[in-house]
C-alpha atoms as a PDB file:
ATOM      1  CA  MET A   1      10.949   3.858 -10.952  1.00  0.00           C
ATOM      2  CA  ALA A   2      10.185   1.762  -7.878  1.00  0.00           C
ATOM      3  CA  GLN A   3      12.887  -0.361  -6.287  1.00  0.00           C
ATOM      4  CA  PHE A   4      12.198  -3.700  -4.621  1.00  0.00           C
ATOM      5  CA  GLN A   5      13.980  -5.958  -2.159  1.00  0.00           C
ATOM      6  CA  PHE A   6      13.391  -9.710  -2.543  1.00  0.00           C
ATOM      7  CA  VAL A   7      11.612 -11.498   0.312  1.00  0.00           C
ATOM      8  CA  GLN A   8      11.445 -15.303   0.348  1.00  0.00           C
ATOM      9  CA  TRP A   9       7.911 -15.557   1.752  1.00  0.00           C
ATOM     10  CA  LEU A  10       6.416 -13.839  -1.296  1.00  0.00           C
ATOM     11  CA  ILE A  11       7.331 -16.675  -3.662  1.00  0.00           C
ATOM     12  CA  HIS A  12       5.725 -19.236  -1.330  1.00  0.00           C
ATOM     13  CA  TRP A  13       2.635 -17.081  -0.846  1.00  0.00           C
ATOM     14  CA  LEU A  14       2.164 -16.717  -4.621  1.00  0.00           C
ATOM     15  CA  ARG A  15       2.461 -20.469  -5.199  1.00  0.00           C
ATOM     16  CA  GLU A  16       0.632 -21.810  -2.136  1.00  0.00           C
ATOM     17  CA  THR A  17      -2.381 -19.516  -1.820  1.00  0.00           C
ATOM     18  CA  SER A  18      -5.379 -21.497  -3.003  1.00  0.00           C
ATOM     19  CA  GLU A  19      -7.732 -18.561  -3.485  1.00  0.00           C
ATOM     20  CA  PHE A  20      -6.927 -14.904  -4.011  1.00  0.00           C
ATOM     21  CA  GLN A  21      -9.390 -12.205  -3.012  1.00  0.00           C
ATOM     22  CA  PHE A  22      -9.115  -8.755  -4.522  1.00  0.00           C
ATOM     23  CA  GLU A  23     -10.178  -5.372  -3.235  1.00  0.00           C
ATOM     24  CA  TRP A  24     -10.037  -2.532  -5.718  1.00  0.00           C
ATOM     25  CA  ASP A  25      -9.807   1.127  -4.834  1.00  0.00           C
ATOM     26  CA  GLU A  26     -12.133   2.891  -7.269  1.00  0.00           C
ATOM     27  CA  GLY A  27      -9.377   5.194  -8.553  1.00  0.00           C
ATOM     28  CA  ASN A  28      -6.785   2.419  -8.971  1.00  0.00           C
ATOM     29  CA  SER A  29      -9.184   0.179 -10.872  1.00  0.00           C
ATOM     30  CA  PHE A  30      -9.332   2.730 -13.677  1.00  0.00           C
ATOM     31  CA  LYS A  31      -5.855   4.310 -13.380  1.00  0.00           C
ATOM     32  CA  SER A  32      -3.906   1.335 -14.756  1.00  0.00           C
ATOM     33  CA  THR A  33      -6.352   0.885 -17.611  1.00  0.00           C
ATOM     34  CA  ALA A  34      -6.266   4.545 -18.596  1.00  0.00           C
ATOM     35  CA  LYS A  35      -2.518   5.026 -18.122  1.00  0.00           C
ATOM     36  CA  HIS A  36      -1.118   1.664 -19.209  1.00  0.00           C
ATOM     37  CA  GLY A  37      -3.918  -0.313 -20.880  1.00  0.00           C
ATOM     38  CA  ALA A  38      -3.896  -2.931 -18.084  1.00  0.00           C
ATOM     39  CA  ALA A  39      -7.489  -3.760 -17.110  1.00  0.00           C
ATOM     40  CA  PRO A  40      -8.370  -4.979 -13.594  1.00  0.00           C
ATOM     41  CA  GLU A  41      -9.213  -8.442 -14.963  1.00  0.00           C
ATOM     42  CA  GLU A  42      -5.742  -8.743 -16.522  1.00  0.00           C
ATOM     43  CA  THR A  43      -4.136  -7.702 -13.245  1.00  0.00           C
ATOM     44  CA  GLU A  44      -6.027 -10.390 -11.333  1.00  0.00           C
ATOM     45  CA  GLU A  45      -5.042 -13.005 -13.927  1.00  0.00           C
ATOM     46  CA  VAL A  46      -1.352 -12.483 -13.071  1.00  0.00           C
ATOM     47  CA  PHE A  47      -2.105 -13.846  -9.585  1.00  0.00           C
ATOM     48  CA  LEU A  48      -4.559 -16.528 -10.683  1.00  0.00           C
ATOM     49  CA  LEU A  49      -2.133 -18.134 -13.163  1.00  0.00           C
ATOM     50  CA  LYS A  50       0.416 -18.671 -10.362  1.00  0.00           C
ATOM     51  CA  GLN A  51       3.327 -18.067 -12.751  1.00  0.00           C
ATOM     52  CA  ALA A  52       4.422 -14.684 -11.393  1.00  0.00           C
ATOM     53  CA  ALA A  53       7.958 -13.861 -10.330  1.00  0.00           C
ATOM     54  CA  PRO A  54       8.188 -12.001  -7.023  1.00  0.00           C
ATOM     55  CA  LEU A  55      10.036  -8.688  -7.103  1.00  0.00           C
ATOM     56  CA  GLY A  56       9.673  -8.279  -3.340  1.00  0.00           C
ATOM     57  CA  VAL A  57       8.917  -5.425  -0.981  1.00  0.00           C
ATOM     58  CA  GLN A  58       9.101  -1.917  -2.393  1.00  0.00           C
ATOM     59  CA  ILE A  59      11.968  -0.011  -0.757  1.00  0.00           C
ATOM     60  CA  GLY A  60      11.811   3.126  -2.868  1.00  0.00           C
ATOM     61  CA  PRO A  61      10.083   5.407  -3.138  1.00  0.00           C
ATOM     62  CA  GLU A  62       8.893   5.154   0.459  1.00  0.00           C
ATOM     63  CA  SER A  63       5.223   4.439   1.051  1.00  0.00           C
ATOM     64  CA  PRO A  64       3.075   4.677   4.184  1.00  0.00           C
ATOM     65  CA  GLU A  65       2.143   1.001   3.821  1.00  0.00           C
ATOM     66  CA  GLU A  66       4.052  -2.061   2.629  1.00  0.00           C
ATOM     67  CA  ARG A  67       3.916  -2.436  -1.148  1.00  0.00           C
ATOM     68  CA  LEU A  68       4.845  -5.606  -2.994  1.00  0.00           C
ATOM     69  CA  GLY A  69       5.731  -6.223  -6.620  1.00  0.00           C
ATOM     70  CA  ILE A  70       5.398  -9.146  -9.018  1.00  0.00           C
ATOM     71  CA  ILE A  71       5.911  -9.742 -12.738  1.00  0.00           C
ATOM     72  CA  GLY A  72       3.933 -12.344 -14.624  1.00  0.00           C
ATOM     73  CA  PRO A  73       1.702 -13.210 -17.550  1.00  0.00           C
ATOM     74  CA  ASN A  74      -2.019 -12.794 -17.879  1.00  0.00           C
ATOM     75  CA  TYR A  75      -4.182 -15.379 -19.671  1.00  0.00           C
ATOM     76  CA  SER A  76      -3.240 -13.984 -23.086  1.00  0.00           C
ATOM     77  CA  GLY A  77       0.500 -14.166 -22.284  1.00  0.00           C
ATOM     78  CA  ARG A  78       1.014 -10.439 -21.828  1.00  0.00           C
ATOM     79  CA  ILE A  79       3.683  -9.864 -19.146  1.00  0.00           C
ATOM     80  CA  LEU A  80       2.620  -7.299 -16.540  1.00  0.00           C
ATOM     81  CA  GLN A  81       4.371  -5.704 -13.595  1.00  0.00           C
ATOM     82  CA  VAL A  82       1.943  -5.365 -10.674  1.00  0.00           C
ATOM     83  CA  VAL A  83       2.366  -3.368  -7.465  1.00  0.00           C
ATOM     84  CA  PHE A  84      -0.050  -4.187  -4.654  1.00  0.00           C
ATOM     85  CA  THR A  85      -0.568  -4.205  -0.933  1.00  0.00           C
ATOM     86  CA  LEU A  86      -2.252  -6.709   1.354  1.00  0.00           C
ATOM     87  CA  ARG A  87      -5.141  -5.531   3.510  1.00  0.00           C
ATOM     88  CA  ASP A  88      -7.067  -7.902   5.737  1.00  0.00           C
ATOM     89  CA  GLY A  89      -5.890 -10.852   3.641  1.00  0.00           C
ATOM     90  CA  LYS A  90      -7.035  -9.278   0.370  1.00  0.00           C
ATOM     91  CA  ILE A  91      -4.910  -8.131  -2.536  1.00  0.00           C
ATOM     92  CA  ARG A  92      -5.324  -4.424  -3.173  1.00  0.00           C
ATOM     93  CA  PRO A  93      -3.718  -3.614  -6.544  1.00  0.00           C
ATOM     94  CA  ILE A  94      -2.094  -0.205  -6.744  1.00  0.00           C
ATOM     95  CA  SER A  95      -0.822  -0.274 -10.319  1.00  0.00           C
ATOM     96  CA  ALA A  96      -0.304  -2.600 -13.250  1.00  0.00           C
ATOM     97  CA  ARG A  97       1.505  -1.973 -16.497  1.00  0.00           C
ATOM     98  CA  PRO A  98       3.166  -3.889 -19.294  1.00  0.00           C
ATOM     99  CA  ALA A  99       6.595  -5.072 -18.178  1.00  0.00           C
ATOM    100  CA  GLY A 100       9.532  -3.217 -19.691  1.00  0.00           C
ATOM    101  CA  ARG A 101      12.449  -4.843 -21.503  1.00  0.00           C
ATOM    102  CA  LYS A 102      14.551  -5.340 -18.340  1.00  0.00           C
ATOM    103  CA  GLU A 103      11.553  -6.693 -16.439  1.00  0.00           C
ATOM    104  CA  ARG A 104      10.753  -9.180 -19.210  1.00  0.00           C
ATOM    105  CA  SER A 105      14.409 -10.295 -19.153  1.00  0.00           C
ATOM    106  CA  PHE A 106      14.182 -10.718 -15.374  1.00  0.00           C
ATOM    107  CA  TYR A 107      11.021 -12.788 -15.787  1.00  0.00           C
ATOM    108  CA  ALA A 108      12.624 -14.983 -18.483  1.00  0.00           C
ATOM    109  CA  ALA A 109      15.618 -15.606 -16.202  1.00  0.00           C
ATOM    110  CA  TYR A 110      13.243 -16.444 -13.346  1.00  0.00           C
ATOM    111  CA  LEU A 111      11.446 -18.991 -15.526  1.00  0.00           C
ATOM    112  CA  ARG A 112      14.748 -20.619 -16.492  1.00  0.00           C
ATOM    113  CA  GLU A 113      15.640 -20.983 -12.798  1.00  0.00           C
ATOM    114  CA  VAL A 114      12.216 -22.412 -11.944  1.00  0.00           C
ATOM    115  CA  VAL A 115      12.436 -24.973 -14.765  1.00  0.00           C
ATOM    116  CA  LYS A 116      15.998 -25.854 -13.772  1.00  0.00           C
ATOM    117  CA  GLY A 117      14.826 -26.378 -10.170  1.00  0.00           C
ATOM    118  CA  VAL A 118      12.001 -28.759 -11.141  1.00  0.00           C
END
C-alpha cells in the first residue's frame, strides 16, 4: 500500500484551482475501471467537486516522478482514493479505487476539521 507525506500546498491547490485539466494515459484510463470499478469520469469528479482531502506526496513505494494522493467523493457520493501526477499543469491520474475503511475514516475526520474551521 502506498504511503504519503502531507504537504500544505496540496490543500490550497485543490481548493483554489478554478479549472482542472486532465491528461489520461491510455492504459491508466482503463486500468482503474477494470481493476476497481472507478471510471475516468468518476475520478475527475473527485477534483471537480473540490471536497477532496489531500493525502500528500507519495513517499513509498518510490516512483520516478512525484505522485500525489487525495481522497474524496464523486458526484454520486462514492468516496475514492486517487493517485496522480502533475505534468505541464495537467492532472495525470495513475489510479483510482474505492476508499477503504481507514481511508473513509480519515476523510470523515478531515471533514469534521474543515467544518470546525469554518
